[in-house]
Amino acid sequence: MSSFIGTLKVEAKGDREIVMTREFSAGKDLVFDCFTKPELIKRWLYGPDGWSLDVCEVDLKVGGKYRYVWKYLKDGSTMGAGGSYKEISGPDKLVHTESFDEAWYPGEAILTTTFVEKSGITFVTINILYETKEGRDIVIKSPMEGGASQSYNRLETLLGTLTETSQGRKKS
């Protein structure tokens, strides 16, 4: 199973994994920063339109925790998730757990994100390992792909702004 929305590719792998790949027009140092610095995460990781990321706490160290709380702007309902960092090899690799406050899939997932740069383009691969095949199947059938795609499109726009700013061409 695979599909594309924009340039995001989402594939089921084996019995318990989902692999998402996306390329970004920026160096891996900046892309890694956008995945790990709260002030940058808040600018792109808020899922589908109509949501905001109101809480974004990151303690970026092995064993450190992170916590996100999204709010649906229409009715004020919230969705929280968090986990802990298992490996940080910035700007090349990040491994952390993920679980939601109101679990919509069973168990905890382990996300391994790699950042590979070639000629100024960073290829990001996120391998998500679920505890069960049932959990993986629930997620891949959910609207997750559309929300992730919108977030990554926002990240691409943010990276363009940050790259232009760092090169002195444009201030935002």
Protein backbone atom coordinates (compact mmCIF):
# COMPACT_ATOMS: atom_id res chain seq x y z
CA MET A 1 0.00 0.00 0.00
CA SER A 2 1.36 3.43 -0.86
CA SER A 3 0.01 6.80 -1.80
CA PHE A 4 1.14 10.36 -2.34
CA ILE A 5 -0.28 13.66 -1.16
CA GLY A 6 1.91 16.47 -2.38
CA THR A 7 5.38 15.05 -2.08
CA LEU A 8 4.69 13.03 1.07
CA LYS A 9 4.92 9.30 0.56
CA VAL A 10 3.31 6.97 3.12
CA GLU A 11 3.82 3.22 2.96
CA ALA A 12 2.94 0.27 5.15
CA LYS A 13 5.96 -1.92 5.78
CA GLY A 14 5.94 -5.39 7.25
CA ASP A 15 3.24 -6.07 9.85
CA ARG A 16 3.75 -3.17 12.25
CA GLU A 17 5.41 -0.26 10.46
CA ILE A 18 4.57 2.86 8.51
CA VAL A 19 7.29 4.68 6.60
CA MET A 20 6.79 8.32 5.62
CA THR A 21 9.24 10.07 3.32
CA ARG A 22 9.41 13.67 2.22
CA GLU A 23 12.10 15.93 0.82
CA PHE A 24 12.64 19.54 1.81
CA SER A 25 14.52 22.34 0.06
CA ALA A 26 16.87 23.15 2.94
CA GLY A 27 19.94 21.81 4.68
CA LYS A 28 19.56 19.06 7.27
CA ASP A 29 20.74 21.27 10.16
CA LEU A 30 17.80 23.61 9.61
CA VAL A 31 15.33 20.77 9.01
CA PHE A 32 16.52 19.03 12.19
CA ASP A 33 16.04 22.30 14.11
CA CYS A 34 12.46 22.49 12.81
CA PHE A 35 11.80 19.01 14.22
CA THR A 36 13.34 19.73 17.64
CA LYS A 37 12.98 23.43 18.58
CA PRO A 38 9.58 24.37 20.05
CA GLU A 39 9.56 27.88 18.58
CA LEU A 40 9.90 26.30 15.10
CA ILE A 41 7.71 23.22 15.70
CA LYS A 42 4.78 25.47 16.68
CA ARG A 43 4.97 27.15 13.27
CA TRP A 44 4.27 24.01 11.23
CA LEU A 45 3.22 20.91 13.23
CA TYR A 46 -0.44 21.62 13.78
CA GLY A 47 -1.95 19.01 11.51
CA PRO A 48 -4.93 19.69 9.31
CA ASP A 49 -6.30 23.20 8.80
CA GLY A 50 -8.48 24.30 11.69
CA TRP A 51 -6.11 23.08 14.40
CA SER A 52 -3.43 24.85 16.43
CA LEU A 53 -0.52 23.54 18.47
CA ASP A 54 -1.04 25.27 21.80
CA VAL A 55 1.42 23.30 23.95
CA CYS A 56 4.84 22.38 22.61
CA GLU A 57 7.36 21.34 25.24
CA VAL A 58 10.66 19.71 24.29
CA ASP A 59 13.44 18.51 26.59
CA LEU A 60 15.84 17.43 23.87
CA LYS A 61 18.13 14.93 25.58
CA VAL A 62 18.17 11.16 25.75
CA GLY A 63 15.49 10.30 28.31
CA GLY A 64 14.01 13.80 27.97
CA LYS A 65 10.30 14.19 27.34
CA TYR A 66 8.24 16.12 24.82
CA ARG A 67 4.59 17.03 24.91
CA TYR A 68 2.24 18.46 22.30
CA VAL A 69 -1.37 19.56 22.79
CA TRP A 70 -3.37 20.46 19.69
CA LYS A 71 -6.62 22.39 19.79
CA TYR A 72 -9.46 22.14 17.29
CA LEU A 73 -10.35 25.78 16.76
CA LYS A 74 -14.01 25.15 15.88
CA ASP A 75 -15.04 23.64 19.21
CA GLY A 76 -12.01 24.04 21.50
CA SER A 77 -11.50 20.30 21.96
CA THR A 78 -7.92 19.18 22.49
CA MET A 79 -5.71 16.23 21.65
CA GLY A 80 -2.46 15.57 23.50
CA ALA A 81 0.52 13.37 22.77
CA GLY A 82 4.03 12.95 24.02
CA GLY A 83 6.89 10.61 24.56
CA SER A 84 10.56 10.42 25.39
CA TYR A 85 13.74 10.69 23.38
CA LYS A 86 15.69 7.44 22.94
CA GLU A 87 18.46 8.59 20.60
CA ILE A 88 19.55 12.01 19.40
CA SER A 89 22.22 12.14 16.72
CA GLY A 90 21.49 15.58 15.36
CA PRO A 91 21.23 16.53 12.61
CA ASP A 92 21.20 12.96 11.26
CA LYS A 93 18.80 10.92 13.39
CA LEU A 94 16.17 11.24 16.08
CA VAL A 95 14.44 8.34 17.87
CA HIS A 96 11.51 8.85 20.24
CA THR A 97 8.37 7.21 21.52
CA GLU A 98 4.85 8.50 20.93
CA SER A 99 1.58 7.90 22.72
CA PHE A 100 -1.66 9.87 22.77
CA ASP A 101 -3.58 10.96 25.89
CA GLU A 102 -6.72 9.39 24.51
CA ALA A 103 -5.26 6.41 22.74
CA TRP A 104 -6.79 5.93 19.31
CA TYR A 105 -4.47 3.04 18.57
CA PRO A 106 -3.24 0.43 21.05
CA GLY A 107 0.16 0.83 22.67
CA GLU A 108 3.05 3.15 22.06
CA ALA A 109 4.87 3.82 18.80
CA ILE A 110 8.59 4.31 18.25
CA LEU A 111 9.52 6.91 15.62
CA THR A 112 12.93 6.84 13.98
CA THR A 113 13.51 9.94 11.88
CA THR A 114 16.55 10.24 9.63
CA PHE A 115 17.75 13.36 7.82
CA VAL A 116 19.94 12.87 4.73
CA GLU A 117 21.12 15.90 2.76
CA LYS A 118 22.13 15.81 -0.90
CA SER A 119 22.90 19.03 -2.79
CA GLY A 120 20.93 21.22 -0.39
CA ILE A 121 17.86 18.95 -0.35
CA THR A 122 17.11 17.06 2.86
CA PHE A 123 15.40 13.71 2.58
CA VAL A 124 13.44 12.92 5.74
CA THR A 125 12.36 9.36 6.47
CA ILE A 126 10.14 8.64 9.46
CA ASN A 127 9.84 4.97 10.34
CA ILE A 128 7.00 4.42 12.82
CA LEU A 129 6.95 1.06 14.59
CA TYR A 130 3.70 0.16 16.36
CA GLU A 131 3.30 -2.43 19.08
CA THR A 132 0.73 -4.33 17.04
CA LYS A 133 -0.42 -4.80 13.45
CA GLU A 134 -3.88 -3.66 14.61
CA GLY A 135 -2.41 -0.34 15.78
CA ARG A 136 -0.54 0.20 12.51
CA ASP A 137 -3.65 -0.62 10.48
CA ILE A 138 -5.82 1.79 12.49
CA VAL A 139 -3.35 4.61 11.87
CA ILE A 140 -2.83 3.97 8.15
CA LYS A 141 -6.62 3.92 7.59
CA SER A 142 -7.08 7.18 9.55
CA PRO A 143 -6.86 10.72 8.07
CA MET A 144 -3.28 10.90 9.43
CA GLU A 145 -1.74 11.15 5.95
CA GLY A 146 -3.71 14.27 5.04
CA GLY A 147 -2.85 16.02 8.32
CA ALA A 148 0.82 15.09 8.04
CA SER A 149 0.90 16.26 4.44
CA GLN A 150 -0.53 19.67 5.38
CA SER A 151 1.99 20.01 8.22
CA TYR A 152 4.92 19.10 5.96
CA ASN A 153 3.73 21.57 3.32
CA ARG A 154 3.76 24.24 6.05
CA LEU A 155 7.26 23.12 7.04
CA GLU A 156 8.45 23.53 3.44
CA THR A 157 7.06 27.09 3.41
CA LEU A 158 8.67 27.84 6.80
CA LEU A 159 12.03 26.48 5.62
CA GLY A 160 11.89 28.77 2.58
CA THR A 161 11.28 31.75 4.84
CA LEU A 162 14.06 30.75 7.25
CA THR A 163 16.53 30.05 4.43
CA GLU A 164 15.83 33.39 2.79
CA THR A 165 16.13 35.15 6.15
CA SER A 166 19.43 33.44 7.02
CA GLN A 167 20.83 34.44 3.63
CA GLY A 168 19.81 38.04 4.19
CA ARG A 169 17.43 38.16 1.25
CA LYS A 170 14.21 38.49 3.17
CA LYS A 171 13.15 39.17 6.73
CA SER A 172 9.98 37.65 8.17
